[in-house]
C-alpha atoms as a PDB file:
ATOM      1  CA  MET A   1     -18.126 -24.952 -10.881  1.00  0.00           C
ATOM      2  CA  PRO A   2     -21.442 -23.692 -12.754  1.00  0.00           C
ATOM      3  CA  LEU A   3     -21.078 -20.526 -14.981  1.00  0.00           C
ATOM      4  CA  THR A   4     -23.474 -18.165 -13.011  1.00  0.00           C
ATOM      5  CA  VAL A   5     -21.221 -18.687  -9.638  1.00  0.00           C
ATOM      6  CA  MET A   6     -17.973 -18.060 -11.472  1.00  0.00           C
ATOM      7  CA  THR A   7     -19.240 -14.364 -12.632  1.00  0.00           C
ATOM      8  CA  ALA A   8     -21.288 -11.614 -11.220  1.00  0.00           C
ATOM      9  CA  ALA A   9     -20.707 -13.497  -7.636  1.00  0.00           C
ATOM     10  CA  ASN A  10     -17.604 -13.342  -7.064  1.00  0.00           C
ATOM     11  CA  GLY A  11     -17.032  -9.299  -7.526  1.00  0.00           C
ATOM     12  CA  HIS A  12     -15.369  -9.360 -10.784  1.00  0.00           C
ATOM     13  CA  SER A  13     -16.824  -7.778 -13.903  1.00  0.00           C
ATOM     14  CA  ASP A  14     -14.018  -9.147 -16.423  1.00  0.00           C
ATOM     15  CA  VAL A  15     -13.343  -5.481 -17.496  1.00  0.00           C
ATOM     16  CA  VAL A  16      -9.715  -4.846 -16.906  1.00  0.00           C
ATOM     17  CA  ASN A  17      -8.976  -1.027 -16.127  1.00  0.00           C
ATOM     18  CA  VAL A  18      -5.401   0.022 -17.283  1.00  0.00           C
ATOM     19  CA  ARG A  19      -3.662   2.037 -14.171  1.00  0.00           C
ATOM     20  CA  THR A  20      -1.989   5.084 -15.651  1.00  0.00           C
ATOM     21  CA  HIS A  21      -0.570   6.511 -12.551  1.00  0.00           C
ATOM     22  CA  PRO A  22      -0.436   5.426  -9.052  1.00  0.00           C
ATOM     23  CA  GLU A  23      -3.594   5.445  -6.794  1.00  0.00           C
ATOM     24  CA  LEU A  24      -3.947   8.377  -3.890  1.00  0.00           C
ATOM     25  CA  SER A  25      -3.699   5.370  -1.180  1.00  0.00           C
ATOM     26  CA  ASP A  26      -0.557   4.336  -2.943  1.00  0.00           C
ATOM     27  CA  VAL A  27       1.369   7.584  -2.381  1.00  0.00           C
ATOM     28  CA  ALA A  28      -0.308   8.062   1.299  1.00  0.00           C
ATOM     29  CA  LEU A  29       1.317   4.607   2.112  1.00  0.00           C
ATOM     30  CA  PHE A  30       4.652   5.593   0.670  1.00  0.00           C
ATOM     31  CA  VAL A  31       4.808   8.506   2.654  1.00  0.00           C
ATOM     32  CA  VAL A  32       3.772   7.160   5.724  1.00  0.00           C
ATOM     33  CA  ALA A  33       6.443   4.383   5.155  1.00  0.00           C
ATOM     34  CA  ILE A  34       9.255   7.317   4.769  1.00  0.00           C
ATOM     35  CA  GLY A  35       7.866   9.217   7.957  1.00  0.00           C
ATOM     36  CA  ALA A  36       8.283   5.731  10.001  1.00  0.00           C
ATOM     37  CA  ILE A  37      11.591   5.172   8.618  1.00  0.00           C
ATOM     38  CA  TRP A  38      12.941   8.722   9.233  1.00  0.00           C
ATOM     39  CA  PHE A  39      11.235   8.443  12.803  1.00  0.00           C
ATOM     40  CA  LEU A  40      12.671   5.091  13.773  1.00  0.00           C
ATOM     41  CA  ARG A  41      16.075   6.093  12.601  1.00  0.00           C
ATOM     42  CA  ARG A  42      16.144   9.394  14.389  1.00  0.00           C
ATOM     43  CA  ALA A  43      15.105   7.515  17.568  1.00  0.00           C
ATOM     44  CA  LEU A  44      17.595   5.136  17.616  1.00  0.00           C
ATOM     45  CA  ARG A  45      20.403   7.309  16.883  1.00  0.00           C
ATOM     46  CA  ARG A  46      19.348   9.385  19.967  1.00  0.00           C
ATOM     47  CA  ARG A  47      19.309   6.330  21.958  1.00  0.00           C
ATOM     48  CA  ASN A  48      22.730   5.176  20.662  1.00  0.00           C
ATOM     49  CA  ARG A  49      24.132   8.449  21.141  1.00  0.00           C
ATOM     50  CA  LYS A  50      27.295   8.686  23.570  1.00  0.00           C
ATOM     51  CA  ASP A  51      27.258  12.166  25.225  1.00  0.00           C
END
């Protein structure tokens, strides 16, 4: 493969950025996942409750 195809054309600039903290989207995904687990567990407990 020619070098010109492998450099700028693929969208990577060869600069590595060190992550020092989680991105906001990572935190939002975690919060949504916790909310979904809580909601599903509550719904299943309510469905299986024997009154």
